[in-house]
Amino acid sequence: MAPPPTSTISPIIITLVLKILMLVLLLASLVVLATDTATLSLSFYTTFVESKIHFDDVYTYRYVLASIIMGLVYSVLQTALSLYHIATGKRLIIGDGAFLVDFYGDK
């Protein structure tokens, strides 16, 4: 019976790729949100009104923008920490601190 094949890709590399993917997707959502407009068409008896609405006209979208920016900052921080771990072989945050940063950052 042959031994099971060993994985050649390190979990650290997979984590780094996923963090970079998260960064790219957050940037894409930021671009989509910032450039999105809608046209509101209203007609009253004899008058026809059109108005363009941007993302900053709706308060809820401002909160979405803030959460995207916080996600970008967290993603850049985590990517930098992963790159440091891959380059040096050591973690920058020693002990349980790294787990706490990951736990509270994901919240």
Protein backbone atom coordinates (compact mmCIF):
# COMPACT_ATOMS: atom_id res chain seq x y z
CA MET A 1 0.00 0.00 0.00
CA ALA A 2 1.44 3.36 -1.07
CA PRO A 3 1.57 6.29 1.34
CA PRO A 4 -0.83 9.15 0.66
CA PRO A 5 0.58 11.90 -1.55
CA THR A 6 2.02 14.86 0.30
CA SER A 7 0.88 18.36 -0.46
CA THR A 8 3.56 20.54 -2.02
CA ILE A 9 1.70 23.79 -1.36
CA SER A 10 2.19 25.19 2.10
CA PRO A 11 -0.86 26.36 4.07
CA ILE A 12 0.93 29.68 4.54
CA ILE A 13 1.04 30.20 0.76
CA ILE A 14 -2.65 29.28 0.44
CA THR A 15 -3.49 31.76 3.18
CA LEU A 16 -1.48 34.47 1.43
CA VAL A 17 -3.24 33.81 -1.88
CA LEU A 18 -6.64 34.01 -0.19
CA LYS A 19 -5.71 37.27 1.54
CA ILE A 20 -4.60 38.77 -1.77
CA LEU A 21 -7.86 37.58 -3.34
CA MET A 22 -9.78 39.27 -0.52
CA LEU A 23 -7.85 42.49 -1.15
CA VAL A 24 -8.63 42.39 -4.88
CA LEU A 25 -12.33 41.72 -4.28
CA LEU A 26 -12.56 44.54 -1.75
CA LEU A 27 -10.92 46.91 -4.22
CA ALA A 28 -13.38 45.81 -6.91
CA SER A 29 -16.35 46.37 -4.61
CA LEU A 30 -14.99 49.81 -3.70
CA VAL A 31 -14.76 50.76 -7.38
CA VAL A 32 -18.25 49.45 -8.11
CA LEU A 33 -19.75 51.28 -5.13
CA ALA A 34 -17.96 54.56 -5.81
CA THR A 35 -18.87 54.66 -9.50
CA ASP A 36 -22.45 53.42 -9.20
CA THR A 37 -25.23 55.86 -10.08
CA ALA A 38 -28.94 55.41 -10.55
CA THR A 39 -31.47 57.55 -12.34
CA LEU A 40 -34.73 58.17 -10.54
CA SER A 41 -37.60 59.10 -12.82
CA LEU A 42 -40.74 60.62 -11.35
CA SER A 43 -43.72 61.99 -13.15
CA PHE A 44 -46.28 64.28 -11.60
CA TYR A 45 -49.40 65.07 -13.57
CA THR A 46 -47.73 67.18 -16.28
CA THR A 47 -44.16 67.34 -15.06
CA PHE A 48 -41.47 64.77 -15.55
CA VAL A 49 -38.45 64.86 -13.22
CA GLU A 50 -35.24 62.85 -13.52
CA SER A 51 -32.62 62.82 -10.81
CA LYS A 52 -29.26 61.06 -10.63
CA ILE A 53 -28.47 59.41 -7.33
CA HIS A 54 -24.88 58.67 -6.31
CA PHE A 55 -23.72 56.34 -3.55
CA ASP A 56 -23.06 59.20 -1.14
CA ASP A 57 -26.69 60.34 -1.38
CA VAL A 58 -27.81 57.25 0.55
CA TYR A 59 -26.66 57.01 4.17
CA THR A 60 -26.56 53.22 4.16
CA TYR A 61 -24.04 53.18 1.33
CA ARG A 62 -21.76 55.41 3.37
CA TYR A 63 -21.62 52.71 6.04
CA VAL A 64 -20.91 50.11 3.36
CA LEU A 65 -18.07 52.30 2.09
CA ALA A 66 -16.67 52.60 5.62
CA SER A 67 -16.76 48.83 6.11
CA ILE A 68 -15.02 48.30 2.75
CA ILE A 69 -12.26 50.72 3.77
CA MET A 70 -11.84 48.98 7.15
CA GLY A 71 -11.68 45.65 5.34
CA LEU A 72 -9.01 47.01 3.00
CA VAL A 73 -6.88 48.23 5.91
CA TYR A 74 -7.24 44.88 7.69
CA SER A 75 -6.47 42.98 4.49
CA VAL A 76 -3.32 44.99 3.79
CA LEU A 77 -2.16 44.46 7.39
CA GLN A 78 -2.77 40.71 7.22
CA THR A 79 -1.06 40.43 3.83
CA ALA A 80 1.99 42.28 5.13
CA LEU A 81 2.15 40.00 8.19
CA SER A 82 1.87 36.91 5.97
CA LEU A 83 4.61 38.15 3.64
CA TYR A 84 6.86 38.77 6.66
CA HIS A 85 6.12 35.25 7.93
CA ILE A 86 6.99 33.73 4.55
CA ALA A 87 10.15 35.82 4.10
CA THR A 88 11.65 35.29 7.55
CA GLY A 89 10.00 32.08 8.73
CA LYS A 90 9.04 33.81 11.98
CA ARG A 91 5.83 35.46 13.09
CA LEU A 92 5.96 39.17 13.83
CA ILE A 93 3.44 38.84 16.67
CA ILE A 94 4.58 36.23 19.19
CA GLY A 95 2.28 34.17 21.38
CA ASP A 96 -1.48 34.41 21.43
CA GLY A 97 -1.42 37.99 20.15
CA ALA A 98 -1.60 36.90 16.51
CA PHE A 99 -4.66 34.77 17.20
CA LEU A 100 -6.34 37.65 19.02
CA VAL A 101 -5.60 40.05 16.14
CA ASP A 102 -7.10 37.55 13.69
CA PHE A 103 -10.12 36.89 15.90
CA TYR A 104 -11.03 40.50 16.62
CA GLY A 105 -10.07 41.65 13.12
CA ASP A 106 -12.46 39.16 11.56
CA LYS A 107 -15.27 40.44 13.74
